[in-house]
PDB file of N, CA and C in Angstrom:
ATOM      1  N   UNK A   1     119.296 124.439 108.679  1.00  0.00           N
ATOM      2  CA  UNK A   1     120.066 123.223 108.843  1.00  0.00           C
ATOM      3  C   UNK A   1     120.519 123.135 110.303  1.00  0.00           C
ATOM      4  N   UNK A   2     120.611 121.931 110.775  1.00  0.00           N
ATOM      5  CA  UNK A   2     121.155 121.698 112.118  1.00  0.00           C
ATOM      6  C   UNK A   2     122.642 121.408 111.948  1.00  0.00           C
ATOM      7  N   UNK A   3     123.486 122.173 112.635  1.00  0.00           N
ATOM      8  CA  UNK A   3     124.939 122.025 112.504  1.00  0.00           C
ATOM      9  C   UNK A   3     125.478 121.229 113.687  1.00  0.00           C
ATOM     10  N   UNK A   4     126.229 120.180 113.402  1.00  0.00           N
ATOM     11  CA  UNK A   4     126.853 119.360 114.441  1.00  0.00           C
ATOM     12  C   UNK A   4     128.359 119.374 114.199  1.00  0.00           C
ATOM     13  N   UNK A   5     129.148 119.888 114.997  1.00  0.00           N
ATOM     14  CA  UNK A   5     128.896 120.533 116.276  1.00  0.00           C
ATOM     15  C   UNK A   5     129.611 121.888 116.288  1.00  0.00           C
ATOM     16  N   UNK A   6     128.885 122.887 116.773  1.00  0.00           N
ATOM     17  CA  UNK A   6     129.450 124.233 116.833  1.00  0.00           C
ATOM     18  C   UNK A   6     130.702 124.268 117.704  1.00  0.00           C
ATOM     19  N   UNK A   7     130.774 123.381 118.669  1.00  0.00           N
ATOM     20  CA  UNK A   7     131.944 123.342 119.550  1.00  0.00           C
ATOM     21  C   UNK A   7     133.229 123.071 118.762  1.00  0.00           C
ATOM     22  N   UNK A   8     133.122 122.388 117.644  1.00  0.00           N
ATOM     23  CA  UNK A   8     134.292 122.152 116.788  1.00  0.00           C
ATOM     24  C   UNK A   8     134.827 123.478 116.257  1.00  0.00           C
ATOM     25  N   UNK A   9     133.921 124.359 115.854  1.00  0.00           N
ATOM     26  CA  UNK A   9     134.331 125.672 115.363  1.00  0.00           C
ATOM     27  C   UNK A   9     134.942 126.499 116.488  1.00  0.00           C
ATOM     28  N   UNK A  10     134.313 126.463 117.670  1.00  0.00           N
ATOM     29  CA  UNK A  10     134.850 127.201 118.817  1.00  0.00           C
ATOM     30  C   UNK A  10     136.245 126.692 119.186  1.00  0.00           C
ATOM     31  N   UNK A  11     136.406 125.391 119.182  1.00  0.00           N
ATOM     32  CA  UNK A  11     137.707 124.800 119.500  1.00  0.00           C
ATOM     33  C   UNK A  11     138.774 125.205 118.509  1.00  0.00           C
ATOM     34  N   UNK A  12     138.406 125.244 117.241  1.00  0.00           N
ATOM     35  CA  UNK A  12     139.369 125.649 116.219  1.00  0.00           C
ATOM     36  C   UNK A  12     139.793 127.097 116.415  1.00  0.00           C
ATOM     37  N   UNK A  13     138.825 127.975 116.664  1.00  0.00           N
ATOM     38  CA  UNK A  13     139.144 129.388 116.895  1.00  0.00           C
ATOM     39  C   UNK A  13     140.030 129.516 118.133  1.00  0.00           C
ATOM     40  N   UNK A  14     139.736 128.781 119.178  1.00  0.00           N
ATOM     41  CA  UNK A  14     140.559 128.819 120.391  1.00  0.00           C
ATOM     42  C   UNK A  14     141.987 128.376 120.103  1.00  0.00           C
ATOM     43  N   UNK A  15     142.151 127.434 119.186  1.00  0.00           N
ATOM     44  CA  UNK A  15     143.500 126.950 118.847  1.00  0.00           C
ATOM     45  C   UNK A  15     144.330 128.010 118.121  1.00  0.00           C
ATOM     46  N   UNK A  16     143.679 129.054 117.656  1.00  0.00           N
ATOM     47  CA  UNK A  16     144.378 130.136 116.946  1.00  0.00           C
ATOM     48  C   UNK A  16     144.810 131.260 117.885  1.00  0.00           C
ATOM     49  N   UNK A  17     144.705 131.044 119.193  1.00  0.00           N
ATOM     50  CA  UNK A  17     145.075 132.080 120.166  1.00  0.00           C
ATOM     51  C   UNK A  17     146.477 132.606 119.873  1.00  0.00           C
ATOM     52  N   UNK A  18     146.578 133.923 119.827  1.00  0.00           N
ATOM     53  CA  UNK A  18     147.863 134.560 119.565  1.00  0.00           C
ATOM     54  C   UNK A  18     148.147 134.805 118.093  1.00  0.00           C
ATOM     55  N   UNK A  19     147.335 134.274 117.210  1.00  0.00           N
ATOM     56  CA  UNK A  19     147.540 134.495 115.771  1.00  0.00           C
ATOM     57  C   UNK A  19     146.797 135.748 115.343  1.00  0.00           C
ATOM     58  N   UNK A  20     147.405 136.477 114.426  1.00  0.00           N
ATOM     59  CA  UNK A  20     146.850 137.784 114.058  1.00  0.00           C
ATOM     60  C   UNK A  20     145.499 137.704 113.350  1.00  0.00           C
ATOM     61  N   UNK A  21     145.207 136.602 112.683  1.00  0.00           N
ATOM     62  CA  UNK A  21     143.932 136.528 111.959  1.00  0.00           C
ATOM     63  C   UNK A  21     142.825 135.822 112.739  1.00  0.00           C
ATOM     64  N   UNK A  22     143.053 135.552 114.014  1.00  0.00           N
ATOM     65  CA  UNK A  22     142.076 134.832 114.833  1.00  0.00           C
ATOM     66  C   UNK A  22     140.699 135.499 114.806  1.00  0.00           C
ATOM     67  N   UNK A  23     140.636 136.794 115.009  1.00  0.00           N
ATOM     68  CA  UNK A  23     139.336 137.469 115.056  1.00  0.00           C
ATOM     69  C   UNK A  23     138.641 137.432 113.692  1.00  0.00           C
ATOM     70  N   UNK A  24     139.401 137.523 112.620  1.00  0.00           N
ATOM     71  CA  UNK A  24     138.811 137.451 111.280  1.00  0.00           C
ATOM     72  C   UNK A  24     138.284 136.042 110.994  1.00  0.00           C
ATOM     73  N   UNK A  25     139.008 135.025 111.427  1.00  0.00           N
ATOM     74  CA  UNK A  25     138.553 133.642 111.247  1.00  0.00           C
ATOM     75  C   UNK A  25     137.290 133.411 112.067  1.00  0.00           C
ATOM     76  N   UNK A  26     137.282 133.899 113.302  1.00  0.00           N
ATOM     77  CA  UNK A  26     136.095 133.757 114.148  1.00  0.00           C
ATOM     78  C   UNK A  26     134.888 134.423 113.493  1.00  0.00           C
ATOM     79  N   UNK A  27     135.067 135.627 112.990  1.00  0.00           N
ATOM     80  CA  UNK A  27     133.962 136.337 112.335  1.00  0.00           C
ATOM     81  C   UNK A  27     133.465 135.573 111.110  1.00  0.00           C
ATOM     82  N   UNK A  28     134.383 135.041 110.320  1.00  0.00           N
ATOM     83  CA  UNK A  28     134.000 134.294 109.114  1.00  0.00           C
ATOM     84  C   UNK A  28     133.248 133.012 109.477  1.00  0.00           C
ATOM     85  N   UNK A  29     133.723 132.294 110.494  1.00  0.00           N
ATOM     86  CA  UNK A  29     133.043 131.063 110.913  1.00  0.00           C
ATOM     87  C   UNK A  29     131.687 131.358 111.546  1.00  0.00           C
ATOM     88  N   UNK A  30     131.615 132.433 112.333  1.00  0.00           N
ATOM     89  CA  UNK A  30     130.326 132.821 112.917  1.00  0.00           C
ATOM     90  C   UNK A  30     129.320 133.163 111.821  1.00  0.00           C
ATOM     91  N   UNK A  31     129.775 133.871 110.791  1.00  0.00           N
ATOM     92  CA  UNK A  31     128.894 134.235 109.675  1.00  0.00           C
ATOM     93  C   UNK A  31     128.435 132.978 108.934  1.00  0.00           C
ATOM     94  N   UNK A  32     129.371 132.053 108.658  1.00  0.00           N
ATOM     95  CA  UNK A  32     128.998 130.810 107.977  1.00  0.00           C
ATOM     96  C   UNK A  32     127.970 130.046 108.817  1.00  0.00           C
ATOM     97  N   UNK A  33     128.225 129.932 110.115  1.00  0.00           N
ATOM     98  CA  UNK A  33     127.319 129.192 110.996  1.00  0.00           C
ATOM     99  C   UNK A  33     125.928 129.809 110.987  1.00  0.00           C
ATOM    100  N   UNK A  34     125.854 131.131 111.096  1.00  0.00           N
ATOM    101  CA  UNK A  34     124.563 131.812 111.112  1.00  0.00           C
ATOM    102  C   UNK A  34     123.806 131.582 109.805  1.00  0.00           C
ATOM    103  N   UNK A  35     124.503 131.690 108.682  1.00  0.00           N
ATOM    104  CA  UNK A  35     123.863 131.492 107.381  1.00  0.00           C
ATOM    105  C   UNK A  35     123.435 130.041 107.182  1.00  0.00           C
ATOM    106  N   UNK A  36     124.325 129.117 107.500  1.00  0.00           N
ATOM    107  CA  UNK A  36     124.022 127.695 107.303  1.00  0.00           C
ATOM    108  C   UNK A  36     122.900 127.237 108.239  1.00  0.00           C
ATOM    109  N   UNK A  37     122.849 127.776 109.437  1.00  0.00           N
ATOM    110  CA  UNK A  37     121.795 127.401 110.385  1.00  0.00           C
ATOM    111  C   UNK A  37     120.416 127.807 109.883  1.00  0.00           C
ATOM    112  N   UNK A  38     120.341 128.923 109.188  1.00  0.00           N
ATOM    113  CA  UNK A  38     119.060 129.420 108.667  1.00  0.00           C
ATOM    114  C   UNK A  38     118.691 128.788 107.324  1.00  0.00           C
ATOM    115  N   UNK A  39     119.667 128.192 106.661  1.00  0.00           N
ATOM    116  CA  UNK A  39     119.444 127.629 105.325  1.00  0.00           C
ATOM    117  C   UNK A  39     118.532 126.412 105.377  1.00  0.00           C
ATOM    118  N   UNK A  40     117.894 126.153 104.259  1.00  0.00           N
ATOM    119  CA  UNK A  40     117.064 124.957 104.082  1.00  0.00           C
ATOM    120  C   UNK A  40     117.498 124.271 102.793  1.00  0.00           C
ATOM    121  N   UNK A  41     118.762 123.873 102.755  1.00  0.00           N
ATOM    122  CA  UNK A  41     119.298 123.238 101.559  1.00  0.00           C
ATOM    123  C   UNK A  41     118.623 121.895 101.327  1.00  0.00           C
ATOM    124  N   UNK A  42     118.225 121.658 100.092  1.00  0.00           N
ATOM    125  CA  UNK A  42     117.615 120.388  99.695  1.00  0.00           C
ATOM    126  C   UNK A  42     118.533 119.582  98.780  1.00  0.00           C
ATOM    127  N   UNK A  43     119.593 120.247  98.287  1.00  0.00           N
ATOM    128  CA  UNK A  43     120.527 119.579  97.376  1.00  0.00           C
ATOM    129  C   UNK A  43     121.826 120.373  97.313  1.00  0.00           C
ATOM    130  N   UNK A  44     122.806 119.784  96.649  1.00  0.00           N
ATOM    131  CA  UNK A  44     124.076 120.502  96.464  1.00  0.00           C
ATOM    132  C   UNK A  44     123.871 121.748  95.602  1.00  0.00           C
ATOM    133  N   UNK A  45     122.884 121.727  94.728  1.00  0.00           N
ATOM    134  CA  UNK A  45     122.596 122.905  93.900  1.00  0.00           C
ATOM    135  C   UNK A  45     122.188 124.090  94.774  1.00  0.00           C
ATOM    136  N   UNK A  46     121.433 123.836  95.844  1.00  0.00           N
ATOM    137  CA  UNK A  46     121.063 124.904  96.774  1.00  0.00           C
ATOM    138  C   UNK A  46     122.292 125.484  97.453  1.00  0.00           C
ATOM    139  N   UNK A  47     123.228 124.610  97.805  1.00  0.00           N
ATOM    140  CA  UNK A  47     124.469 125.070  98.446  1.00  0.00           C
ATOM    141  C   UNK A  47     125.252 125.938  97.470  1.00  0.00           C
ATOM    142  N   UNK A  48     125.370 125.495  96.227  1.00  0.00           N
ATOM    143  CA  UNK A  48     126.121 126.260  95.221  1.00  0.00           C
ATOM    144  C   UNK A  48     125.481 127.617  94.932  1.00  0.00           C
ATOM    145  N   UNK A  49     124.160 127.684  95.003  1.00  0.00           N
ATOM    146  CA  UNK A  49     123.496 128.979  94.812  1.00  0.00           C
ATOM    147  C   UNK A  49     123.868 129.945  95.927  1.00  0.00           C
ATOM    148  N   UNK A  50     123.985 129.447  97.135  1.00  0.00           N
ATOM    149  CA  UNK A  50     124.328 130.295  98.281  1.00  0.00           C
ATOM    150  C   UNK A  50     125.834 130.538  98.384  1.00  0.00           C
ATOM    151  N   UNK A  51     126.629 129.551  98.002  1.00  0.00           N
ATOM    152  CA  UNK A  51     128.088 129.609  98.113  1.00  0.00           C
ATOM    153  C   UNK A  51     128.707 129.140  96.799  1.00  0.00           C
ATOM    154  N   UNK A  52     128.842 130.055  95.873  1.00  0.00           N
ATOM    155  CA  UNK A  52     129.369 129.696  94.545  1.00  0.00           C
ATOM    156  C   UNK A  52     130.775 129.120  94.620  1.00  0.00           C
ATOM    157  N   UNK A  53     131.548 129.501  95.620  1.00  0.00           N
ATOM    158  CA  UNK A  53     132.922 129.014  95.727  1.00  0.00           C
ATOM    159  C   UNK A  53     133.037 127.689  96.475  1.00  0.00           C
ATOM    160  N   UNK A  54     131.922 127.168  96.985  1.00  0.00           N
ATOM    161  CA  UNK A  54     131.963 125.871  97.669  1.00  0.00           C
ATOM    162  C   UNK A  54     132.317 124.775  96.669  1.00  0.00           C
ATOM    163  N   UNK A  55     133.057 123.795  97.137  1.00  0.00           N
ATOM    164  CA  UNK A  55     133.430 122.656  96.291  1.00  0.00           C
ATOM    165  C   UNK A  55     132.569 121.460  96.675  1.00  0.00           C
ATOM    166  N   UNK A  56     131.860 120.931  95.711  1.00  0.00           N
ATOM    167  CA  UNK A  56     131.042 119.740  95.934  1.00  0.00           C
ATOM    168  C   UNK A  56     131.932 118.539  95.645  1.00  0.00           C
ATOM    169  N   UNK A  57     132.298 117.815  96.690  1.00  0.00           N
ATOM    170  CA  UNK A  57     133.203 116.672  96.550  1.00  0.00           C
ATOM    171  C   UNK A  57     132.412 115.416  96.194  1.00  0.00           C
ATOM    172  N   UNK A  58     131.326 115.195  96.921  1.00  0.00           N
ATOM    173  CA  UNK A  58     130.388 114.109  96.631  1.00  0.00           C
ATOM    174  C   UNK A  58     128.986 114.681  96.857  1.00  0.00           C
ATOM    175  N   UNK A  59     127.988 113.866  96.688  1.00  0.00           N
ATOM    176  CA  UNK A  59     126.618 114.357  96.891  1.00  0.00           C
ATOM    177  C   UNK A  59     126.360 114.755  98.339  1.00  0.00           C
ATOM    178  N   UNK A  60     127.238 114.342  99.251  1.00  0.00           N
ATOM    179  CA  UNK A  60     127.059 114.685 100.661  1.00  0.00           C
ATOM    180  C   UNK A  60     128.260 115.382 101.281  1.00  0.00           C
ATOM    181  N   UNK A  61     129.370 115.488 100.579  1.00  0.00           N
ATOM    182  CA  UNK A  61     130.591 116.080 101.149  1.00  0.00           C
ATOM    183  C   UNK A  61     130.885 117.386 100.432  1.00  0.00           C
ATOM    184  N   UNK A  62     130.985 118.470 101.226  1.00  0.00           N
ATOM    185  CA  UNK A  62     131.155 119.807 100.669  1.00  0.00           C
ATOM    186  C   UNK A  62     132.283 120.522 101.396  1.00  0.00           C
ATOM    187  N   UNK A  63     133.036 121.324 100.646  1.00  0.00           N
ATOM    188  CA  UNK A  63     134.130 122.115 101.208  1.00  0.00           C
ATOM    189  C   UNK A  63     133.803 123.588 101.022  1.00  0.00           C
ATOM    190  N   UNK A  64     133.839 124.332 102.128  1.00  0.00           N
ATOM    191  CA  UNK A  64     133.604 125.771 102.098  1.00  0.00           C
ATOM    192  C   UNK A  64     134.926 126.510 102.289  1.00  0.00           C
ATOM    193  N   UNK A  65     135.091 127.583 101.552  1.00  0.00           N
ATOM    194  CA  UNK A  65     136.245 128.462 101.721  1.00  0.00           C
ATOM    195  C   UNK A  65     135.924 129.439 102.837  1.00  0.00           C
ATOM    196  N   UNK A  66     136.836 129.566 103.767  1.00  0.00           N
ATOM    197  CA  UNK A  66     136.642 130.452 104.916  1.00  0.00           C
ATOM    198  C   UNK A  66     137.735 131.510 104.916  1.00  0.00           C
ATOM    199  N   UNK A  67     137.349 132.732 105.160  1.00  0.00           N
ATOM    200  CA  UNK A  67     138.261 133.868 105.222  1.00  0.00           C
ATOM    201  C   UNK A  67     139.091 133.974 103.947  1.00  0.00           C
ATOM    202  N   UNK A  68     138.383 134.177 102.856  1.00  0.00           N
ATOM    203  CA  UNK A  68     139.062 134.383 101.585  1.00  0.00           C
ATOM    204  C   UNK A  68     139.890 133.205 101.125  1.00  0.00           C
ATOM    205  N   UNK A  69     139.453 131.986 101.474  1.00  0.00           N
ATOM    206  CA  UNK A  69     140.103 130.748 101.067  1.00  0.00           C
ATOM    207  C   UNK A  69     141.404 130.475 101.815  1.00  0.00           C
ATOM    208  N   UNK A  70     141.681 131.219 102.884  1.00  0.00           N
ATOM    209  CA  UNK A  70     142.852 130.926 103.711  1.00  0.00           C
ATOM    210  C   UNK A  70     142.617 129.662 104.535  1.00  0.00           C
ATOM    211  N   UNK A  71     141.346 129.370 104.817  1.00  0.00           N
ATOM    212  CA  UNK A  71     140.961 128.199 105.597  1.00  0.00           C
ATOM    213  C   UNK A  71     139.907 127.427 104.822  1.00  0.00           C
ATOM    214  N   UNK A  72     139.797 126.137 105.153  1.00  0.00           N
ATOM    215  CA  UNK A  72     138.809 125.278 104.517  1.00  0.00           C
ATOM    216  C   UNK A  72     137.995 124.578 105.587  1.00  0.00           C
ATOM    217  N   UNK A  73     136.703 124.458 105.330  1.00  0.00           N
ATOM    218  CA  UNK A  73     135.777 123.788 106.225  1.00  0.00           C
ATOM    219  C   UNK A  73     135.130 122.647 105.438  1.00  0.00           C
ATOM    220  N   UNK A  74     135.339 121.417 105.897  1.00  0.00           N
ATOM    221  CA  UNK A  74     134.783 120.229 105.242  1.00  0.00           C
ATOM    222  C   UNK A  74     133.582 119.757 106.056  1.00  0.00           C
ATOM    223  N   UNK A  75     132.454 119.592 105.376  1.00  0.00           N
ATOM    224  CA  UNK A  75     131.242 119.125 106.050  1.00  0.00           C
ATOM    225  C   UNK A  75     130.626 117.973 105.284  1.00  0.00           C
ATOM    226  N   UNK A  76     129.800 117.234 105.999  1.00  0.00           N
ATOM    227  CA  UNK A  76     128.971 116.202 105.388  1.00  0.00           C
ATOM    228  C   UNK A  76     127.530 116.635 105.608  1.00  0.00           C
ATOM    229  N   UNK A  77     126.699 116.476 104.588  1.00  0.00           N
ATOM    230  CA  UNK A  77     125.328 116.967 104.665  1.00  0.00           C
ATOM    231  C   UNK A  77     124.341 115.832 104.397  1.00  0.00           C
ATOM    232  N   UNK A  78     123.341 115.748 105.262  1.00  0.00           N
ATOM    233  CA  UNK A  78     122.193 114.874 105.016  1.00  0.00           C
ATOM    234  C   UNK A  78     121.050 115.818 104.667  1.00  0.00           C
ATOM    235  N   UNK A  79     120.775 115.973 103.392  1.00  0.00           N
ATOM    236  CA  UNK A  79     119.774 116.930 102.935  1.00  0.00           C
ATOM    237  C   UNK A  79     118.364 116.550 103.400  1.00  0.00           C
ATOM    238  N   UNK A  80     118.054 115.267 103.429  1.00  0.00           N
ATOM    239  CA  UNK A  80     116.718 114.837 103.852  1.00  0.00           C
ATOM    240  C   UNK A  80     116.439 115.187 105.307  1.00  0.00           C
ATOM    241  N   UNK A  81     117.440 115.011 106.169  1.00  0.00           N
ATOM    242  CA  UNK A  81     117.268 115.286 107.597  1.00  0.00           C
ATOM    243  C   UNK A  81     117.605 116.725 107.966  1.00  0.00           C
ATOM    244  N   UNK A  82     118.250 117.451 107.048  1.00  0.00           N
ATOM    245  CA  UNK A  82     118.607 118.833 107.338  1.00  0.00           C
ATOM    246  C   UNK A  82     119.729 118.958 108.341  1.00  0.00           C
ATOM    247  N   UNK A  83     120.715 118.064 108.249  1.00  0.00           N
ATOM    248  CA  UNK A  83     121.829 118.053 109.198  1.00  0.00           C
ATOM    249  C   UNK A  83     123.147 118.243 108.459  1.00  0.00           C
ATOM    250  N   UNK A  84     124.004 119.082 109.045  1.00  0.00           N
ATOM    251  CA  UNK A  84     125.355 119.309 108.546  1.00  0.00           C
ATOM    252  C   UNK A  84     126.323 118.882 109.640  1.00  0.00           C
ATOM    253  N   UNK A  85     127.219 117.945 109.324  1.00  0.00           N
ATOM    254  CA  UNK A  85     128.244 117.510 110.265  1.00  0.00           C
ATOM    255  C   UNK A  85     129.569 118.137 109.869  1.00  0.00           C
ATOM    256  N   UNK A  86     130.207 118.798 110.815  1.00  0.00           N
ATOM    257  CA  UNK A  86     131.532 119.359 110.568  1.00  0.00           C
ATOM    258  C   UNK A  86     132.529 118.214 110.650  1.00  0.00           C
ATOM    259  N   UNK A  87     133.256 118.006 109.567  1.00  0.00           N
ATOM    260  CA  UNK A  87     134.204 116.897 109.494  1.00  0.00           C
ATOM    261  C   UNK A  87     135.645 117.340 109.720  1.00  0.00           C
ATOM    262  N   UNK A  88     135.963 118.565 109.273  1.00  0.00           N
ATOM    263  CA  UNK A  88     137.354 119.020 109.371  1.00  0.00           C
ATOM    264  C   UNK A  88     137.401 120.520 109.127  1.00  0.00           C
ATOM    265  N   UNK A  89     138.347 121.188 109.796  1.00  0.00           N
ATOM    266  CA  UNK A  89     138.625 122.591 109.511  1.00  0.00           C
ATOM    267  C   UNK A  89     140.117 122.824 109.708  1.00  0.00           C
ATOM    268  N   UNK A  90     140.689 123.606 108.812  1.00  0.00           N
ATOM    269  CA  UNK A  90     142.118 123.911 108.909  1.00  0.00           C
ATOM    270  C   UNK A  90     142.525 124.882 107.820  1.00  0.00           C
ATOM    271  N   UNK A  91     143.821 125.120 107.752  1.00  0.00           N
ATOM    272  CA  UNK A  91     144.340 126.040 106.744  1.00  0.00           C
ATOM    273  C   UNK A  91     144.271 125.383 105.365  1.00  0.00           C
ATOM    274  N   UNK A  92     144.375 126.214 104.366  1.00  0.00           N
ATOM    275  CA  UNK A  92     144.379 125.693 102.993  1.00  0.00           C
ATOM    276  C   UNK A  92     145.570 124.750 102.801  1.00  0.00           C
ATOM    277  N   UNK A  93     146.702 125.095 103.360  1.00  0.00           N
ATOM    278  CA  UNK A  93     147.899 124.242 103.253  1.00  0.00           C
ATOM    279  C   UNK A  93     147.650 122.878 103.905  1.00  0.00           C
ATOM    280  N   UNK A  94     147.034 122.868 105.092  1.00  0.00           N
ATOM    281  CA  UNK A  94     146.718 121.603 105.763  1.00  0.00           C
ATOM    282  C   UNK A  94     145.703 120.800 104.947  1.00  0.00           C
ATOM    283  N   UNK A  95     144.765 121.488 104.335  1.00  0.00           N
ATOM    284  CA  UNK A  95     143.748 120.846 103.505  1.00  0.00           C
ATOM    285  C   UNK A  95     144.389 120.056 102.364  1.00  0.00           C
ATOM    286  N   UNK A  96     145.443 120.593 101.817  1.00  0.00           N
ATOM    287  CA  UNK A  96     146.124 119.919 100.713  1.00  0.00           C
ATOM    288  C   UNK A  96     146.723 118.577 101.114  1.00  0.00           C
ATOM    289  N   UNK A  97     146.823 118.311 102.428  1.00  0.00           N
ATOM    290  CA  UNK A  97     147.429 117.071 102.913  1.00  0.00           C
ATOM    291  C   UNK A  97     146.415 116.050 103.426  1.00  0.00           C
ATOM    292  N   UNK A  98     145.125 116.331 103.296  1.00  0.00           N
ATOM    293  CA  UNK A  98     144.114 115.386 103.768  1.00  0.00           C
ATOM    294  C   UNK A  98     143.426 114.709 102.590  1.00  0.00           C
ATOM    295  N   UNK A  99     142.754 113.616 102.890  1.00  0.00           N
ATOM    296  CA  UNK A  99     141.900 112.953 101.899  1.00  0.00           C
ATOM    297  C   UNK A  99     140.488 113.436 102.209  1.00  0.00           C
ATOM    298  N   UNK A 100     140.037 114.403 101.452  1.00  0.00           N
ATOM    299  CA  UNK A 100     138.799 115.112 101.777  1.00  0.00           C
ATOM    300  C   UNK A 100     137.574 114.200 101.797  1.00  0.00           C
ATOM    301  N   UNK A 101     137.551 113.173 100.985  1.00  0.00           N
ATOM    302  CA  UNK A 101     136.408 112.250 100.959  1.00  0.00           C
ATOM    303  C   UNK A 101     136.337 111.377 102.210  1.00  0.00           C
ATOM    304  N   UNK A 102     137.443 111.248 102.922  1.00  0.00           N
ATOM    305  CA  UNK A 102     137.505 110.323 104.050  1.00  0.00           C
ATOM    306  C   UNK A 102     137.731 110.972 105.409  1.00  0.00           C
ATOM    307  N   UNK A 103     138.174 112.218 105.439  1.00  0.00           N
ATOM    308  CA  UNK A 103     138.532 112.853 106.699  1.00  0.00           C
ATOM    309  C   UNK A 103     137.346 112.915 107.645  1.00  0.00           C
ATOM    310  N   UNK A 104     137.601 112.655 108.909  1.00  0.00           N
ATOM    311  CA  UNK A 104     136.577 112.673 109.958  1.00  0.00           C
ATOM    312  C   UNK A 104     137.096 113.477 111.138  1.00  0.00           C
ATOM    313  N   UNK A 105     136.199 114.218 111.774  1.00  0.00           N
ATOM    314  CA  UNK A 105     136.579 114.973 112.955  1.00  0.00           C
ATOM    315  C   UNK A 105     136.878 114.017 114.098  1.00  0.00           C
ATOM    316  N   UNK A 106     137.974 114.274 114.799  1.00  0.00           N
ATOM    317  CA  UNK A 106     138.345 113.468 115.961  1.00  0.00           C
ATOM    318  C   UNK A 106     138.252 114.359 117.186  1.00  0.00           C
ATOM    319  N   UNK A 107     137.541 113.912 118.201  1.00  0.00           N
ATOM    320  CA  UNK A 107     137.411 114.713 119.431  1.00  0.00           C
ATOM    321  C   UNK A 107     138.653 114.606 120.262  1.00  0.00           C
TER     322      UNK A 107
END
């Protein structure tokens, strides 16, 4: 899959400067990125096979648990084109305050 945009993940990790779990979050996001980049998902069923804890919100909107569900990563997927767009990343508490079907990444 082509991931758009890795810089969003880097920016999020940078925003955690000084926090004790920064390195663990970075490792978890790097692992997710590496796995998702190599994946060839054709449907949400493929995603669920690889990530049983992922939440399928719509046929194109998926939420991944990061670092033992302390963080959430919201993506939009175009299975035909093989593209994953990062829409949002934050803590589980912050996730509870967003509208997951509508949230969009803001630069």
